[in-house]
Amino acid sequence: MTFNTAESVTLKIWDRASLHETLDSAVSDLSSRHNTTTSRIAVHCSGPNTFTLSVRGDEPALAL
């Protein structure tokens, strides 16, 4: 289950074996969509097996 907004993504991850891989992939995707580094992506456990990823701060985007 995935919920998308302009600045965040909420994921329901049932498979604990793929937890880190799924979160790493989602962080990379969100940072790419917002043209920023992965260190500006915040990950919060927002419920049982539910994680919300969001873009942090008002730092300028990376130049291409």
PDB file of N, CA and C in Angstrom:
ATOM      1  N   MET A   1       0.855  -1.159   0.000  1.00  0.00           N
ATOM      2  CA  MET A   1       0.000   0.000   0.000  1.00  0.00           C
ATOM      3  C   MET A   1       0.909   1.232   0.000  1.00  0.00           C
ATOM      4  N   THR A   2       0.625   2.176  -0.891  1.00  0.00           N
ATOM      5  CA  THR A   2       1.429   3.384  -1.012  1.00  0.00           C
ATOM      6  C   THR A   2       0.529   4.591  -1.160  1.00  0.00           C
ATOM      7  N   PHE A   3       0.843   5.666  -0.435  1.00  0.00           N
ATOM      8  CA  PHE A   3       0.141   6.930  -0.567  1.00  0.00           C
ATOM      9  C   PHE A   3       1.159   7.993  -0.943  1.00  0.00           C
ATOM     10  N   ASN A   4       0.907   8.732  -2.003  1.00  0.00           N
ATOM     11  CA  ASN A   4       1.830   9.764  -2.472  1.00  0.00           C
ATOM     12  C   ASN A   4       1.224  11.142  -2.321  1.00  0.00           C
ATOM     13  N   THR A   5       2.035  12.097  -1.910  1.00  0.00           N
ATOM     14  CA  THR A   5       1.689  13.511  -1.979  1.00  0.00           C
ATOM     15  C   THR A   5       2.865  14.188  -2.659  1.00  0.00           C
ATOM     16  N   ALA A   6       2.809  15.481  -2.805  1.00  0.00           N
ATOM     17  CA  ALA A   6       3.887  16.198  -3.480  1.00  0.00           C
ATOM     18  C   ALA A   6       5.221  16.052  -2.746  1.00  0.00           C
ATOM     19  N   GLU A   7       5.203  16.044  -1.422  1.00  0.00           N
ATOM     20  CA  GLU A   7       6.437  16.053  -0.641  1.00  0.00           C
ATOM     21  C   GLU A   7       6.677  14.788   0.181  1.00  0.00           C
ATOM     22  N   SER A   8       5.759  13.814   0.123  1.00  0.00           N
ATOM     23  CA  SER A   8       5.955  12.627   0.964  1.00  0.00           C
ATOM     24  C   SER A   8       5.360  11.369   0.332  1.00  0.00           C
ATOM     25  N   VAL A   9       5.786  10.233   0.878  1.00  0.00           N
ATOM     26  CA  VAL A   9       5.298   8.920   0.453  1.00  0.00           C
ATOM     27  C   VAL A   9       5.081   8.097   1.717  1.00  0.00           C
ATOM     28  N   THR A  10       3.943   7.416   1.822  1.00  0.00           N
ATOM     29  CA  THR A  10       3.688   6.516   2.939  1.00  0.00           C
ATOM     30  C   THR A  10       3.609   5.097   2.399  1.00  0.00           C
ATOM     31  N   LEU A  11       4.390   4.218   3.001  1.00  0.00           N
ATOM     32  CA  LEU A  11       4.471   2.828   2.563  1.00  0.00           C
ATOM     33  C   LEU A  11       4.050   1.888   3.678  1.00  0.00           C
ATOM     34  N   LYS A  12       3.319   0.849   3.327  1.00  0.00           N
ATOM     35  CA  LYS A  12       2.995  -0.238   4.254  1.00  0.00           C
ATOM     36  C   LYS A  12       3.839  -1.421   3.790  1.00  0.00           C
ATOM     37  N   ILE A  13       4.814  -1.817   4.591  1.00  0.00           N
ATOM     38  CA  ILE A  13       5.753  -2.875   4.204  1.00  0.00           C
ATOM     39  C   ILE A  13       5.504  -4.092   5.084  1.00  0.00           C
ATOM     40  N   TRP A  14       5.030  -5.157   4.481  1.00  0.00           N
ATOM     41  CA  TRP A  14       4.691  -6.360   5.228  1.00  0.00           C
ATOM     42  C   TRP A  14       5.864  -7.320   5.357  1.00  0.00           C
ATOM     43  N   ASP A  15       6.738  -7.351   4.374  1.00  0.00           N
ATOM     44  CA  ASP A  15       7.849  -8.314   4.346  1.00  0.00           C
ATOM     45  C   ASP A  15       9.065  -7.737   5.071  1.00  0.00           C
ATOM     46  N   ARG A  16       9.322  -8.212   6.279  1.00  0.00           N
ATOM     47  CA  ARG A  16      10.452  -7.698   7.068  1.00  0.00           C
ATOM     48  C   ARG A  16      11.790  -7.985   6.394  1.00  0.00           C
ATOM     49  N   ALA A  17      11.874  -9.039   5.595  1.00  0.00           N
ATOM     50  CA  ALA A  17      13.123  -9.396   4.938  1.00  0.00           C
ATOM     51  C   ALA A  17      13.537  -8.344   3.901  1.00  0.00           C
ATOM     52  N   SER A  18      12.567  -7.649   3.344  1.00  0.00           N
ATOM     53  CA  SER A  18      12.884  -6.649   2.320  1.00  0.00           C
ATOM     54  C   SER A  18      12.716  -5.220   2.830  1.00  0.00           C
ATOM     55  N   LEU A  19      12.593  -5.038   4.140  1.00  0.00           N
ATOM     56  CA  LEU A  19      12.342  -3.732   4.734  1.00  0.00           C
ATOM     57  C   LEU A  19      13.406  -2.699   4.337  1.00  0.00           C
ATOM     58  N   HIS A  20      14.672  -3.003   4.587  1.00  0.00           N
ATOM     59  CA  HIS A  20      15.743  -2.044   4.304  1.00  0.00           C
ATOM     60  C   HIS A  20      15.875  -1.762   2.814  1.00  0.00           C
ATOM     61  N   GLU A  21      15.777  -2.792   2.014  1.00  0.00           N
ATOM     62  CA  GLU A  21      15.875  -2.622   0.558  1.00  0.00           C
ATOM     63  C   GLU A  21      14.736  -1.754   0.029  1.00  0.00           C
ATOM     64  N   THR A  22      13.531  -1.982   0.522  1.00  0.00           N
ATOM     65  CA  THR A  22      12.363  -1.206   0.088  1.00  0.00           C
ATOM     66  C   THR A  22      12.494   0.257   0.502  1.00  0.00           C
ATOM     67  N   LEU A  23      12.918   0.501   1.743  1.00  0.00           N
ATOM     68  CA  LEU A  23      13.085   1.880   2.207  1.00  0.00           C
ATOM     69  C   LEU A  23      14.210   2.590   1.458  1.00  0.00           C
ATOM     70  N   ASP A  24      15.334   1.902   1.234  1.00  0.00           N
ATOM     71  CA  ASP A  24      16.442   2.505   0.473  1.00  0.00           C
ATOM     72  C   ASP A  24      15.995   2.906  -0.924  1.00  0.00           C
ATOM     73  N   SER A  25      15.234   2.037  -1.567  1.00  0.00           N
ATOM     74  CA  SER A  25      14.735   2.315  -2.905  1.00  0.00           C
ATOM     75  C   SER A  25      13.780   3.505  -2.905  1.00  0.00           C
ATOM     76  N   ALA A  26      12.902   3.567  -1.909  1.00  0.00           N
ATOM     77  CA  ALA A  26      11.944   4.673  -1.815  1.00  0.00           C
ATOM     78  C   ALA A  26      12.652   5.998  -1.531  1.00  0.00           C
ATOM     79  N   VAL A  27      13.674   5.983  -0.680  1.00  0.00           N
ATOM     80  CA  VAL A  27      14.457   7.194  -0.393  1.00  0.00           C
ATOM     81  C   VAL A  27      15.141   7.682  -1.664  1.00  0.00           C
ATOM     82  N   SER A  28      15.749   6.780  -2.405  1.00  0.00           N
ATOM     83  CA  SER A  28      16.424   7.152  -3.658  1.00  0.00           C
ATOM     84  C   SER A  28      15.444   7.735  -4.666  1.00  0.00           C
ATOM     85  N   ASP A  29      14.275   7.124  -4.779  1.00  0.00           N
ATOM     86  CA  ASP A  29      13.262   7.596  -5.727  1.00  0.00           C
ATOM     87  C   ASP A  29      12.752   8.987  -5.345  1.00  0.00           C
ATOM     88  N   LEU A  30      12.442   9.193  -4.079  1.00  0.00           N
ATOM     89  CA  LEU A  30      11.925  10.487  -3.626  1.00  0.00           C
ATOM     90  C   LEU A  30      12.978  11.586  -3.780  1.00  0.00           C
ATOM     91  N   SER A  31      14.224  11.284  -3.453  1.00  0.00           N
ATOM     92  CA  SER A  31      15.280  12.294  -3.598  1.00  0.00           C
ATOM     93  C   SER A  31      15.506  12.631  -5.067  1.00  0.00           C
ATOM     94  N   SER A  32      15.397  11.648  -5.930  1.00  0.00           N
ATOM     95  CA  SER A  32      15.542  11.885  -7.364  1.00  0.00           C
ATOM     96  C   SER A  32      14.410  12.760  -7.900  1.00  0.00           C
ATOM     97  N   ARG A  33      13.182  12.483  -7.476  1.00  0.00           N
ATOM     98  CA  ARG A  33      12.028  13.277  -7.932  1.00  0.00           C
ATOM     99  C   ARG A  33      12.115  14.726  -7.477  1.00  0.00           C
ATOM    100  N   HIS A  34      12.774  14.970  -6.343  1.00  0.00           N
ATOM    101  CA  HIS A  34      12.869  16.327  -5.806  1.00  0.00           C
ATOM    102  C   HIS A  34      14.246  16.944  -6.032  1.00  0.00           C
ATOM    103  N   ASN A  35      15.086  16.271  -6.815  1.00  0.00           N
ATOM    104  CA  ASN A  35      16.406  16.785  -7.167  1.00  0.00           C
ATOM    105  C   ASN A  35      17.185  17.207  -5.919  1.00  0.00           C
ATOM    106  N   THR A  36      17.293  16.296  -4.966  1.00  0.00           N
ATOM    107  CA  THR A  36      17.992  16.573  -3.717  1.00  0.00           C
ATOM    108  C   THR A  36      18.790  15.339  -3.295  1.00  0.00           C
ATOM    109  N   THR A  37      19.562  15.485  -2.242  1.00  0.00           N
ATOM    110  CA  THR A  37      20.348  14.355  -1.743  1.00  0.00           C
ATOM    111  C   THR A  37      19.482  13.454  -0.877  1.00  0.00           C
ATOM    112  N   THR A  38      19.916  12.215  -0.728  1.00  0.00           N
ATOM    113  CA  THR A  38      19.166  11.269   0.102  1.00  0.00           C
ATOM    114  C   THR A  38      19.202  11.669   1.577  1.00  0.00           C
ATOM    115  N   SER A  39      20.196  12.460   1.974  1.00  0.00           N
ATOM    116  CA  SER A  39      20.268  12.874   3.381  1.00  0.00           C
ATOM    117  C   SER A  39      19.170  13.867   3.751  1.00  0.00           C
ATOM    118  N   ARG A  40      18.476  14.445   2.769  1.00  0.00           N
ATOM    119  CA  ARG A  40      17.368  15.356   3.052  1.00  0.00           C
ATOM    120  C   ARG A  40      16.028  14.641   3.119  1.00  0.00           C
ATOM    121  N   ILE A  41      16.038  13.310   3.023  1.00  0.00           N
ATOM    122  CA  ILE A  41      14.801  12.538   3.106  1.00  0.00           C
ATOM    123  C   ILE A  41      14.668  11.987   4.522  1.00  0.00           C
ATOM    124  N   ALA A  42      13.571  12.333   5.184  1.00  0.00           N
ATOM    125  CA  ALA A  42      13.298  11.848   6.538  1.00  0.00           C
ATOM    126  C   ALA A  42      12.408  10.613   6.459  1.00  0.00           C
ATOM    127  N   VAL A  43      12.707   9.620   7.284  1.00  0.00           N
ATOM    128  CA  VAL A  43      11.913   8.394   7.354  1.00  0.00           C
ATOM    129  C   VAL A  43      11.351   8.284   8.770  1.00  0.00           C
ATOM    130  N   HIS A  44      10.030   8.161   8.856  1.00  0.00           N
ATOM    131  CA  HIS A  44       9.355   8.046  10.146  1.00  0.00           C
ATOM    132  C   HIS A  44       8.526   6.771  10.165  1.00  0.00           C
ATOM    133  N   CYS A  45       8.581   6.059  11.280  1.00  0.00           N
ATOM    134  CA  CYS A  45       7.690   4.921  11.479  1.00  0.00           C
ATOM    135  C   CYS A  45       6.364   5.505  11.957  1.00  0.00           C
ATOM    136  N   SER A  46       5.358   5.472  11.095  1.00  0.00           N
ATOM    137  CA  SER A  46       4.094   6.134  11.401  1.00  0.00           C
ATOM    138  C   SER A  46       2.989   5.169  11.816  1.00  0.00           C
ATOM    139  N   GLY A  47       3.330   3.919  12.022  1.00  0.00           N
ATOM    140  CA  GLY A  47       2.362   2.915  12.450  1.00  0.00           C
ATOM    141  C   GLY A  47       2.965   1.542  12.304  1.00  0.00           C
ATOM    142  N   PRO A  48       2.209   0.511  12.648  1.00  0.00           N
ATOM    143  CA  PRO A  48       2.721  -0.852  12.489  1.00  0.00           C
ATOM    144  C   PRO A  48       3.026  -1.152  11.023  1.00  0.00           C
ATOM    145  N   ASN A  49       4.279  -1.442  10.729  1.00  0.00           N
ATOM    146  CA  ASN A  49       4.729  -1.746   9.361  1.00  0.00           C
ATOM    147  C   ASN A  49       4.492  -0.593   8.394  1.00  0.00           C
ATOM    148  N   THR A  50       4.289   0.619   8.884  1.00  0.00           N
ATOM    149  CA  THR A  50       3.982   1.771   8.047  1.00  0.00           C
ATOM    150  C   THR A  50       5.065   2.830   8.217  1.00  0.00           C
ATOM    151  N   PHE A  51       5.593   3.297   7.092  1.00  0.00           N
ATOM    152  CA  PHE A  51       6.673   4.273   7.107  1.00  0.00           C
ATOM    153  C   PHE A  51       6.310   5.446   6.207  1.00  0.00           C
ATOM    154  N   THR A  52       6.583   6.653   6.687  1.00  0.00           N
ATOM    155  CA  THR A  52       6.359   7.861   5.895  1.00  0.00           C
ATOM    156  C   THR A  52       7.701   8.495   5.600  1.00  0.00           C
ATOM    157  N   LEU A  53       7.962   8.738   4.321  1.00  0.00           N
ATOM    158  CA  LEU A  53       9.186   9.386   3.871  1.00  0.00           C
ATOM    159  C   LEU A  53       8.821  10.774   3.387  1.00  0.00           C
ATOM    160  N   SER A  54       9.592  11.775   3.789  1.00  0.00           N
ATOM    161  CA  SER A  54       9.297  13.143   3.376  1.00  0.00           C
ATOM    162  C   SER A  54      10.583  13.914   3.147  1.00  0.00           C
ATOM    163  N   VAL A  55      10.475  14.979   2.337  1.00  0.00           N
ATOM    164  CA  VAL A  55      11.606  15.852   2.053  1.00  0.00           C
ATOM    165  C   VAL A  55      11.718  16.844   3.209  1.00  0.00           C
ATOM    166  N   ARG A  56      12.926  16.972   3.778  1.00  0.00           N
ATOM    167  CA  ARG A  56      13.159  17.859   4.918  1.00  0.00           C
ATOM    168  C   ARG A  56      13.706  19.209   4.459  1.00  0.00           C
ATOM    169  N   GLY A  57      13.381  20.246   5.201  1.00  0.00           N
ATOM    170  CA  GLY A  57      14.041  21.529   5.097  1.00  0.00           C
ATOM    171  C   GLY A  57      13.766  22.321   3.840  1.00  0.00           C
ATOM    172  N   ASP A  58      14.303  23.551   3.843  1.00  0.00           N
ATOM    173  CA  ASP A  58      14.146  24.471   2.717  1.00  0.00           C
ATOM    174  C   ASP A  58      15.467  24.725   2.010  1.00  0.00           C
ATOM    175  N   GLU A  59      16.373  23.771   2.099  1.00  0.00           N
ATOM    176  CA  GLU A  59      17.675  23.915   1.443  1.00  0.00           C
ATOM    177  C   GLU A  59      17.463  23.941  -0.064  1.00  0.00           C
ATOM    178  N   PRO A  60      18.315  24.646  -0.794  1.00  0.00           N
ATOM    179  CA  PRO A  60      18.156  24.702  -2.254  1.00  0.00           C
ATOM    180  C   PRO A  60      18.394  23.341  -2.907  1.00  0.00           C
ATOM    181  N   ALA A  61      17.740  23.114  -4.008  1.00  0.00           N
ATOM    182  CA  ALA A  61      17.904  21.873  -4.754  1.00  0.00           C
ATOM    183  C   ALA A  61      19.299  21.841  -5.376  1.00  0.00           C
ATOM    184  N   LEU A  62      19.753  20.661  -5.731  1.00  0.00           N
ATOM    185  CA  LEU A  62      21.060  20.516  -6.370  1.00  0.00           C
ATOM    186  C   LEU A  62      21.023  21.036  -7.798  1.00  0.00           C
ATOM    187  N   ALA A  63      22.101  21.648  -8.214  1.00  0.00           N
ATOM    188  CA  ALA A  63      22.206  22.115  -9.604  1.00  0.00           C
ATOM    189  C   ALA A  63      22.599  20.936 -10.485  1.00  0.00           C
ATOM    190  N   LEU A  64      22.056  20.879 -11.668  1.00  0.00           N
ATOM    191  CA  LEU A  64      22.389  19.788 -12.590  1.00  0.00           C
ATOM    192  C   LEU A  64      23.572  20.094 -13.418  1.00  0.00           C
TER     193      LEU A  64
END
